[in-house]
Amino acid sequence: MRREPDYFEDGESLVLIYIAKKLKESLALEALLTQREVDYLVEVDMYSGGIIFRSERAGAFFYVREAERDEVSDLMRENRYTPMRDME
């Protein structure tokens, strides 16, 4: 379920699990996480994109509690998303 930042102020750290670069992609991932009752935070932030012509672009950055990272990463892989952990 999408949560506000103050929901996660319990001291447990959040980890970045995904950067959605398109609105459609962001909405689909939000629907998946909500359907599976995963607590997550999504914020708009800037990332660098492009190979030849690099530019700053806005994306939806998805965060979950560190303790839930593995479970959420498995869920994402099952649904054809590549978690940030796999890109490291």
PDB file of N, CA and C in Angstrom:
ATOM      1  N   MET A   1       0.834  -1.160   0.000  1.00  0.00           N
ATOM      2  CA  MET A   1       0.000   0.000   0.000  1.00  0.00           C
ATOM      3  C   MET A   1       0.895   1.245   0.000  1.00  0.00           C
ATOM      4  N   ARG A   2       0.552   2.192  -0.824  1.00  0.00           N
ATOM      5  CA  ARG A   2       1.334   3.427  -0.897  1.00  0.00           C
ATOM      6  C   ARG A   2       1.212   4.177   0.423  1.00  0.00           C
ATOM      7  N   ARG A   3       2.357   4.586   0.939  1.00  0.00           N
ATOM      8  CA  ARG A   3       2.404   5.272   2.231  1.00  0.00           C
ATOM      9  C   ARG A   3       3.109   6.613   2.071  1.00  0.00           C
ATOM     10  N   GLU A   4       2.845   7.491   3.022  1.00  0.00           N
ATOM     11  CA  GLU A   4       3.511   8.790   3.088  1.00  0.00           C
ATOM     12  C   GLU A   4       4.836   8.617   3.849  1.00  0.00           C
ATOM     13  N   PRO A   5       5.789   9.535   3.654  1.00  0.00           N
ATOM     14  CA  PRO A   5       7.097   9.400   4.322  1.00  0.00           C
ATOM     15  C   PRO A   5       7.014   9.268   5.842  1.00  0.00           C
ATOM     16  N   ASP A   6       6.084   9.962   6.486  1.00  0.00           N
ATOM     17  CA  ASP A   6       6.004   9.897   7.951  1.00  0.00           C
ATOM     18  C   ASP A   6       5.584   8.527   8.467  1.00  0.00           C
ATOM     19  N   TYR A   7       4.999   7.687   7.619  1.00  0.00           N
ATOM     20  CA  TYR A   7       4.625   6.329   8.003  1.00  0.00           C
ATOM     21  C   TYR A   7       5.870   5.497   8.329  1.00  0.00           C
ATOM     22  N   PHE A   8       6.973   5.810   7.680  1.00  0.00           N
ATOM     23  CA  PHE A   8       8.205   5.034   7.833  1.00  0.00           C
ATOM     24  C   PHE A   8       9.172   5.639   8.848  1.00  0.00           C
ATOM     25  N   GLU A   9       8.707   6.504   9.700  1.00  0.00           N
ATOM     26  CA  GLU A   9       9.589   7.150  10.674  1.00  0.00           C
ATOM     27  C   GLU A   9       9.828   6.301  11.907  1.00  0.00           C
ATOM     28  N   ASP A  10       9.693   5.001  11.788  1.00  0.00           N
ATOM     29  CA  ASP A  10       9.905   4.101  12.920  1.00  0.00           C
ATOM     30  C   ASP A  10      11.368   3.726  13.110  1.00  0.00           C
ATOM     31  N   GLY A  11      12.247   4.328  12.339  1.00  0.00           N
ATOM     32  CA  GLY A  11      13.671   4.079  12.485  1.00  0.00           C
ATOM     33  C   GLY A  11      14.218   3.024  11.547  1.00  0.00           C
ATOM     34  N   GLU A  12      13.350   2.237  10.935  1.00  0.00           N
ATOM     35  CA  GLU A  12      13.812   1.219  10.001  1.00  0.00           C
ATOM     36  C   GLU A  12      14.160   1.877   8.670  1.00  0.00           C
ATOM     37  N   SER A  13      15.289   1.511   8.098  1.00  0.00           N
ATOM     38  CA  SER A  13      15.733   2.171   6.876  1.00  0.00           C
ATOM     39  C   SER A  13      14.984   1.653   5.651  1.00  0.00           C
ATOM     40  N   LEU A  14      14.843   2.555   4.674  1.00  0.00           N
ATOM     41  CA  LEU A  14      14.214   2.225   3.404  1.00  0.00           C
ATOM     42  C   LEU A  14      15.292   2.022   2.351  1.00  0.00           C
ATOM     43  N   VAL A  15      15.008   1.156   1.396  1.00  0.00           N
ATOM     44  CA  VAL A  15      15.943   0.913   0.298  1.00  0.00           C
ATOM     45  C   VAL A  15      15.223   1.151  -1.026  1.00  0.00           C
ATOM     46  N   LEU A  16      15.965   1.671  -1.978  1.00  0.00           N
ATOM     47  CA  LEU A  16      15.442   1.898  -3.307  1.00  0.00           C
ATOM     48  C   LEU A  16      15.335   0.565  -4.029  1.00  0.00           C
ATOM     49  N   ILE A  17      14.136   0.259  -4.532  1.00  0.00           N
ATOM     50  CA  ILE A  17      13.966  -1.017  -5.232  1.00  0.00           C
ATOM     51  C   ILE A  17      13.757  -0.853  -6.728  1.00  0.00           C
ATOM     52  N   TYR A  18      13.312   0.349  -7.161  1.00  0.00           N
ATOM     53  CA  TYR A  18      13.007   0.503  -8.583  1.00  0.00           C
ATOM     54  C   TYR A  18      12.877   1.974  -8.944  1.00  0.00           C
ATOM     55  N   ILE A  19      13.253   2.304 -10.174  1.00  0.00           N
ATOM     56  CA  ILE A  19      13.016   3.634 -10.733  1.00  0.00           C
ATOM     57  C   ILE A  19      12.171   3.443 -11.986  1.00  0.00           C
ATOM     58  N   ALA A  20      10.923   3.893 -11.920  1.00  0.00           N
ATOM     59  CA  ALA A  20      10.031   3.820 -13.084  1.00  0.00           C
ATOM     60  C   ALA A  20      10.270   5.077 -13.920  1.00  0.00           C
ATOM     61  N   LYS A  21      10.524   4.868 -15.192  1.00  0.00           N
ATOM     62  CA  LYS A  21      10.859   5.979 -16.069  1.00  0.00           C
ATOM     63  C   LYS A  21       9.660   6.501 -16.845  1.00  0.00           C
ATOM     64  N   LYS A  22       8.558   5.741 -16.825  1.00  0.00           N
ATOM     65  CA  LYS A  22       7.342   6.144 -17.534  1.00  0.00           C
ATOM     66  C   LYS A  22       6.156   6.038 -16.579  1.00  0.00           C
ATOM     67  N   LEU A  23       5.169   6.895 -16.782  1.00  0.00           N
ATOM     68  CA  LEU A  23       3.985   6.906 -15.920  1.00  0.00           C
ATOM     69  C   LEU A  23       3.262   5.565 -15.946  1.00  0.00           C
ATOM     70  N   LYS A  24       3.091   4.986 -17.117  1.00  0.00           N
ATOM     71  CA  LYS A  24       2.396   3.705 -17.240  1.00  0.00           C
ATOM     72  C   LYS A  24       3.095   2.616 -16.423  1.00  0.00           C
ATOM     73  N   GLU A  25       4.407   2.610 -16.482  1.00  0.00           N
ATOM     74  CA  GLU A  25       5.216   1.640 -15.728  1.00  0.00           C
ATOM     75  C   GLU A  25       5.041   1.858 -14.227  1.00  0.00           C
ATOM     76  N   SER A  26       5.050   3.112 -13.813  1.00  0.00           N
ATOM     77  CA  SER A  26       4.881   3.452 -12.403  1.00  0.00           C
ATOM     78  C   SER A  26       3.516   3.013 -11.885  1.00  0.00           C
ATOM     79  N   LEU A  27       2.480   3.304 -12.641  1.00  0.00           N
ATOM     80  CA  LEU A  27       1.123   2.938 -12.225  1.00  0.00           C
ATOM     81  C   LEU A  27       0.956   1.422 -12.143  1.00  0.00           C
ATOM     82  N   ALA A  28       1.559   0.692 -13.064  1.00  0.00           N
ATOM     83  CA  ALA A  28       1.467  -0.769 -13.050  1.00  0.00           C
ATOM     84  C   ALA A  28       2.171  -1.361 -11.827  1.00  0.00           C
ATOM     85  N   LEU A  29       3.342  -0.832 -11.494  1.00  0.00           N
ATOM     86  CA  LEU A  29       4.063  -1.324 -10.317  1.00  0.00           C
ATOM     87  C   LEU A  29       3.306  -0.956  -9.041  1.00  0.00           C
ATOM     88  N   GLU A  30       2.753   0.245  -8.985  1.00  0.00           N
ATOM     89  CA  GLU A  30       1.948   0.632  -7.824  1.00  0.00           C
ATOM     90  C   GLU A  30       0.764  -0.322  -7.645  1.00  0.00           C
ATOM     91  N   ALA A  31       0.100  -0.669  -8.737  1.00  0.00           N
ATOM     92  CA  ALA A  31      -1.034  -1.591  -8.669  1.00  0.00           C
ATOM     93  C   ALA A  31      -0.603  -2.962  -8.153  1.00  0.00           C
ATOM     94  N   LEU A  32       0.532  -3.452  -8.635  1.00  0.00           N
ATOM     95  CA  LEU A  32       1.051  -4.748  -8.192  1.00  0.00           C
ATOM     96  C   LEU A  32       1.363  -4.736  -6.701  1.00  0.00           C
ATOM     97  N   LEU A  33       2.095  -3.726  -6.239  1.00  0.00           N
ATOM     98  CA  LEU A  33       2.480  -3.647  -4.829  1.00  0.00           C
ATOM     99  C   LEU A  33       1.256  -3.471  -3.927  1.00  0.00           C
ATOM    100  N   THR A  34       0.292  -2.681  -4.375  1.00  0.00           N
ATOM    101  CA  THR A  34      -0.925  -2.478  -3.595  1.00  0.00           C
ATOM    102  C   THR A  34      -1.731  -3.764  -3.521  1.00  0.00           C
ATOM    103  N   GLN A  35      -1.852  -4.466  -4.643  1.00  0.00           N
ATOM    104  CA  GLN A  35      -2.589  -5.727  -4.685  1.00  0.00           C
ATOM    105  C   GLN A  35      -1.987  -6.736  -3.719  1.00  0.00           C
ATOM    106  N   ARG A  36      -0.668  -6.753  -3.610  1.00  0.00           N
ATOM    107  CA  ARG A  36       0.028  -7.693  -2.709  1.00  0.00           C
ATOM    108  C   ARG A  36       0.198  -7.135  -1.298  1.00  0.00           C
ATOM    109  N   GLU A  37      -0.396  -5.969  -1.033  1.00  0.00           N
ATOM    110  CA  GLU A  37      -0.378  -5.326   0.287  1.00  0.00           C
ATOM    111  C   GLU A  37       1.029  -5.058   0.805  1.00  0.00           C
ATOM    112  N   VAL A  38       1.898  -4.605  -0.090  1.00  0.00           N
ATOM    113  CA  VAL A  38       3.258  -4.223   0.264  1.00  0.00           C
ATOM    114  C   VAL A  38       3.241  -2.744   0.630  1.00  0.00           C
ATOM    115  N   ASP A  39       3.812  -2.387   1.783  1.00  0.00           N
ATOM    116  CA  ASP A  39       3.952  -0.982   2.151  1.00  0.00           C
ATOM    117  C   ASP A  39       5.149  -0.418   1.398  1.00  0.00           C
ATOM    118  N   TYR A  40       4.931   0.655   0.659  1.00  0.00           N
ATOM    119  CA  TYR A  40       6.002   1.252  -0.127  1.00  0.00           C
ATOM    120  C   TYR A  40       5.858   2.765  -0.148  1.00  0.00           C
ATOM    121  N   LEU A  41       6.948   3.419  -0.475  1.00  0.00           N
ATOM    122  CA  LEU A  41       6.999   4.864  -0.635  1.00  0.00           C
ATOM    123  C   LEU A  41       7.402   5.132  -2.072  1.00  0.00           C
ATOM    124  N   VAL A  42       6.736   6.058  -2.722  1.00  0.00           N
ATOM    125  CA  VAL A  42       7.129   6.448  -4.078  1.00  0.00           C
ATOM    126  C   VAL A  42       7.289   7.964  -4.092  1.00  0.00           C
ATOM    127  N   GLU A  43       8.410   8.399  -4.651  1.00  0.00           N
ATOM    128  CA  GLU A  43       8.718   9.827  -4.746  1.00  0.00           C
ATOM    129  C   GLU A  43       9.265  10.127  -6.131  1.00  0.00           C
ATOM    130  N   VAL A  44       8.927  11.305  -6.622  1.00  0.00           N
ATOM    131  CA  VAL A  44       9.476  11.752  -7.897  1.00  0.00           C
ATOM    132  C   VAL A  44      10.848  12.349  -7.625  1.00  0.00           C
ATOM    133  N   ASP A  45      11.823  11.942  -8.430  1.00  0.00           N
ATOM    134  CA  ASP A  45      13.188  12.459  -8.298  1.00  0.00           C
ATOM    135  C   ASP A  45      13.810  12.471  -9.690  1.00  0.00           C
ATOM    136  N   MET A  46      14.994  12.997  -9.790  1.00  0.00           N
ATOM    137  CA  MET A  46      15.685  13.114 -11.070  1.00  0.00           C
ATOM    138  C   MET A  46      16.739  12.014 -11.211  1.00  0.00           C
ATOM    139  N   TYR A  47      16.900  11.532 -12.439  1.00  0.00           N
ATOM    140  CA  TYR A  47      17.951  10.572 -12.768  1.00  0.00           C
ATOM    141  C   TYR A  47      18.566  10.979 -14.097  1.00  0.00           C
ATOM    142  N   SER A  48      19.763  10.501 -14.377  1.00  0.00           N
ATOM    143  CA  SER A  48      20.423  10.787 -15.654  1.00  0.00           C
ATOM    144  C   SER A  48      20.063   9.699 -16.644  1.00  0.00           C
ATOM    145  N   GLY A  49      19.678  10.105 -17.846  1.00  0.00           N
ATOM    146  CA  GLY A  49      19.296   9.135 -18.862  1.00  0.00           C
ATOM    147  C   GLY A  49      19.904   9.483 -20.205  1.00  0.00           C
ATOM    148  N   GLY A  50      19.851   8.540 -21.103  1.00  0.00           N
ATOM    149  CA  GLY A  50      20.394   8.739 -22.445  1.00  0.00           C
ATOM    150  C   GLY A  50      21.796   8.210 -22.564  1.00  0.00           C
ATOM    151  N   ILE A  51      22.134   7.717 -23.755  1.00  0.00           N
ATOM    152  CA  ILE A  51      23.465   7.178 -23.994  1.00  0.00           C
ATOM    153  C   ILE A  51      24.340   8.207 -24.689  1.00  0.00           C
ATOM    154  N   ILE A  52      23.865   8.723 -25.781  1.00  0.00           N
ATOM    155  CA  ILE A  52      24.642   9.714 -26.530  1.00  0.00           C
ATOM    156  C   ILE A  52      24.404  11.111 -25.970  1.00  0.00           C
ATOM    157  N   PHE A  53      23.143  11.452 -25.816  1.00  0.00           N
ATOM    158  CA  PHE A  53      22.780  12.764 -25.285  1.00  0.00           C
ATOM    159  C   PHE A  53      22.220  12.596 -23.882  1.00  0.00           C
ATOM    160  N   ARG A  54      23.067  12.735 -22.889  1.00  0.00           N
ATOM    161  CA  ARG A  54      22.666  12.574 -21.496  1.00  0.00           C
ATOM    162  C   ARG A  54      21.827  13.764 -21.059  1.00  0.00           C
ATOM    163  N   SER A  55      20.806  13.465 -20.289  1.00  0.00           N
ATOM    164  CA  SER A  55      19.955  14.534 -19.769  1.00  0.00           C
ATOM    165  C   SER A  55      19.364  14.111 -18.431  1.00  0.00           C
ATOM    166  N   GLU A  56      18.901  15.094 -17.685  1.00  0.00           N
ATOM    167  CA  GLU A  56      18.223  14.843 -16.419  1.00  0.00           C
ATOM    168  C   GLU A  56      16.752  14.598 -16.718  1.00  0.00           C
ATOM    169  N   ARG A  57      16.205  13.542 -16.158  1.00  0.00           N
ATOM    170  CA  ARG A  57      14.811  13.173 -16.378  1.00  0.00           C
ATOM    171  C   ARG A  57      14.148  12.877 -15.045  1.00  0.00           C
ATOM    172  N   ALA A  58      12.839  13.037 -14.996  1.00  0.00           N
ATOM    173  CA  ALA A  58      12.086  12.737 -13.774  1.00  0.00           C
ATOM    174  C   ALA A  58      11.613  11.289 -13.824  1.00  0.00           C
ATOM    175  N   GLY A  59      11.658  10.633 -12.678  1.00  0.00           N
ATOM    176  CA  GLY A  59      11.194   9.257 -12.567  1.00  0.00           C
ATOM    177  C   GLY A  59      10.534   9.033 -11.226  1.00  0.00           C
ATOM    178  N   ALA A  60       9.830   7.927 -11.100  1.00  0.00           N
ATOM    179  CA  ALA A  60       9.189   7.547  -9.840  1.00  0.00           C
ATOM    180  C   ALA A  60      10.116   6.560  -9.130  1.00  0.00           C
ATOM    181  N   PHE A  61      10.622   6.955  -7.981  1.00  0.00           N
ATOM    182  CA  PHE A  61      11.552   6.145  -7.206  1.00  0.00           C
ATOM    183  C   PHE A  61      10.753   5.388  -6.143  1.00  0.00           C
ATOM    184  N   PHE A  62      10.828   4.055  -6.169  1.00  0.00           N
ATOM    185  CA  PHE A  62      10.081   3.203  -5.244  1.00  0.00           C
ATOM    186  C   PHE A  62      11.006   2.704  -4.132  1.00  0.00           C
ATOM    187  N   TYR A  63      10.529   2.814  -2.898  1.00  0.00           N
ATOM    188  CA  TYR A  63      11.280   2.386  -1.721  1.00  0.00           C
ATOM    189  C   TYR A  63      10.438   1.436  -0.878  1.00  0.00           C
ATOM    190  N   VAL A  64      11.091   0.460  -0.249  1.00  0.00           N
ATOM    191  CA  VAL A  64      10.450  -0.435   0.726  1.00  0.00           C
ATOM    192  C   VAL A  64      11.377  -0.565   1.930  1.00  0.00           C
ATOM    193  N   ARG A  65      10.843  -1.131   3.000  1.00  0.00           N
ATOM    194  CA  ARG A  65      11.685  -1.395   4.171  1.00  0.00           C
ATOM    195  C   ARG A  65      12.767  -2.406   3.793  1.00  0.00           C
ATOM    196  N   GLU A  66      13.932  -2.212   4.365  1.00  0.00           N
ATOM    197  CA  GLU A  66      15.056  -3.100   4.058  1.00  0.00           C
ATOM    198  C   GLU A  66      14.726  -4.559   4.355  1.00  0.00           C
ATOM    199  N   ALA A  67      13.971  -4.817   5.407  1.00  0.00           N
ATOM    200  CA  ALA A  67      13.611  -6.192   5.781  1.00  0.00           C
ATOM    201  C   ALA A  67      12.724  -6.860   4.728  1.00  0.00           C
ATOM    202  N   GLU A  68      12.050  -6.077   3.896  1.00  0.00           N
ATOM    203  CA  GLU A  68      11.147  -6.625   2.884  1.00  0.00           C
ATOM    204  C   GLU A  68      11.775  -6.662   1.495  1.00  0.00           C
ATOM    205  N   ARG A  69      12.999  -6.207   1.378  1.00  0.00           N
ATOM    206  CA  ARG A  69      13.651  -6.086   0.071  1.00  0.00           C
ATOM    207  C   ARG A  69      13.671  -7.392  -0.722  1.00  0.00           C
ATOM    208  N   ASP A  70      14.095  -8.481  -0.112  1.00  0.00           N
ATOM    209  CA  ASP A  70      14.212  -9.753  -0.833  1.00  0.00           C
ATOM    210  C   ASP A  70      12.860 -10.247  -1.330  1.00  0.00           C
ATOM    211  N   GLU A  71      11.864 -10.194  -0.459  1.00  0.00           N
ATOM    212  CA  GLU A  71      10.523 -10.652  -0.822  1.00  0.00           C
ATOM    213  C   GLU A  71       9.939  -9.809  -1.966  1.00  0.00           C
ATOM    214  N   VAL A  72      10.102  -8.494  -1.878  1.00  0.00           N
ATOM    215  CA  VAL A  72       9.578  -7.608  -2.922  1.00  0.00           C
ATOM    216  C   VAL A  72      10.369  -7.788  -4.221  1.00  0.00           C
ATOM    217  N   SER A  73      11.668  -7.995  -4.126  1.00  0.00           N
ATOM    218  CA  SER A  73      12.483  -8.225  -5.318  1.00  0.00           C
ATOM    219  C   SER A  73      12.034  -9.490  -6.047  1.00  0.00           C
ATOM    220  N   ASP A  74      11.731 -10.541  -5.296  1.00  0.00           N
ATOM    221  CA  ASP A  74      11.227 -11.784  -5.905  1.00  0.00           C
ATOM    222  C   ASP A  74       9.889 -11.543  -6.603  1.00  0.00           C
ATOM    223  N   LEU A  75       9.007 -10.802  -5.959  1.00  0.00           N
ATOM    224  CA  LEU A  75       7.709 -10.465  -6.545  1.00  0.00           C
ATOM    225  C   LEU A  75       7.887  -9.682  -7.843  1.00  0.00           C
ATOM    226  N   MET A  76       8.808  -8.745  -7.830  1.00  0.00           N
ATOM    227  CA  MET A  76       9.055  -7.935  -9.024  1.00  0.00           C
ATOM    228  C   MET A  76       9.592  -8.801 -10.164  1.00  0.00           C
ATOM    229  N   ARG A  77      10.535  -9.674  -9.872  1.00  0.00           N
ATOM    230  CA  ARG A  77      11.094 -10.555 -10.908  1.00  0.00           C
ATOM    231  C   ARG A  77      10.001 -11.441 -11.521  1.00  0.00           C
ATOM    232  N   GLU A  78       9.111 -11.953 -10.671  1.00  0.00           N
ATOM    233  CA  GLU A  78       8.006 -12.792 -11.145  1.00  0.00           C
ATOM    234  C   GLU A  78       7.107 -12.030 -12.126  1.00  0.00           C
ATOM    235  N   ASN A  79       7.094 -10.708 -12.006  1.00  0.00           N
ATOM    236  CA  ASN A  79       6.230  -9.876 -12.832  1.00  0.00           C
ATOM    237  C   ASN A  79       7.014  -9.043 -13.846  1.00  0.00           C
ATOM    238  N   ARG A  80       8.211  -9.500 -14.173  1.00  0.00           N
ATOM    239  CA  ARG A  80       9.060  -8.932 -15.221  1.00  0.00           C
ATOM    240  C   ARG A  80       9.582  -7.522 -14.955  1.00  0.00           C
ATOM    241  N   TYR A  81       9.826  -7.214 -13.688  1.00  0.00           N
ATOM    242  CA  TYR A  81      10.513  -5.977 -13.321  1.00  0.00           C
ATOM    243  C   TYR A  81      11.917  -6.365 -12.866  1.00  0.00           C
ATOM    244  N   THR A  82      12.877  -5.492 -13.111  1.00  0.00           N
ATOM    245  CA  THR A  82      14.242  -5.738 -12.666  1.00  0.00           C
ATOM    246  C   THR A  82      14.537  -4.858 -11.456  1.00  0.00           C
ATOM    247  N   PRO A  83      14.610  -5.446 -10.258  1.00  0.00           N
ATOM    248  CA  PRO A  83      14.880  -4.652  -9.061  1.00  0.00           C
ATOM    249  C   PRO A  83      16.262  -4.008  -9.112  1.00  0.00           C
ATOM    250  N   MET A  84      16.421  -2.903  -8.408  1.00  0.00           N
ATOM    251  CA  MET A  84      17.696  -2.188  -8.370  1.00  0.00           C
ATOM    252  C   MET A  84      18.828  -3.112  -7.918  1.00  0.00           C
ATOM    253  N   ARG A  85      18.541  -4.004  -7.020  1.00  0.00           N
ATOM    254  CA  ARG A  85      19.558  -4.934  -6.509  1.00  0.00           C
ATOM    255  C   ARG A  85      20.199  -5.737  -7.641  1.00  0.00           C
ATOM    256  N   ASP A  86      19.418  -6.089  -8.664  1.00  0.00           N
ATOM    257  CA  ASP A  86      19.932  -6.862  -9.782  1.00  0.00           C
ATOM    258  C   ASP A  86      20.779  -6.018 -10.728  1.00  0.00           C
ATOM    259  N   MET A  87      20.694  -4.709 -10.607  1.00  0.00           N
ATOM    260  CA  MET A  87      21.434  -3.805 -11.497  1.00  0.00           C
ATOM    261  C   MET A  87      22.789  -3.416 -10.907  1.00  0.00           C
ATOM    262  N   GLU A  88      23.033  -3.780  -9.659  1.00  0.00           N
ATOM    263  CA  GLU A  88      24.286  -3.402  -8.982  1.00  0.00           C
ATOM    264  C   GLU A  88      25.444  -4.242  -9.471  1.00  0.00           C
TER     265      GLU A  88
END
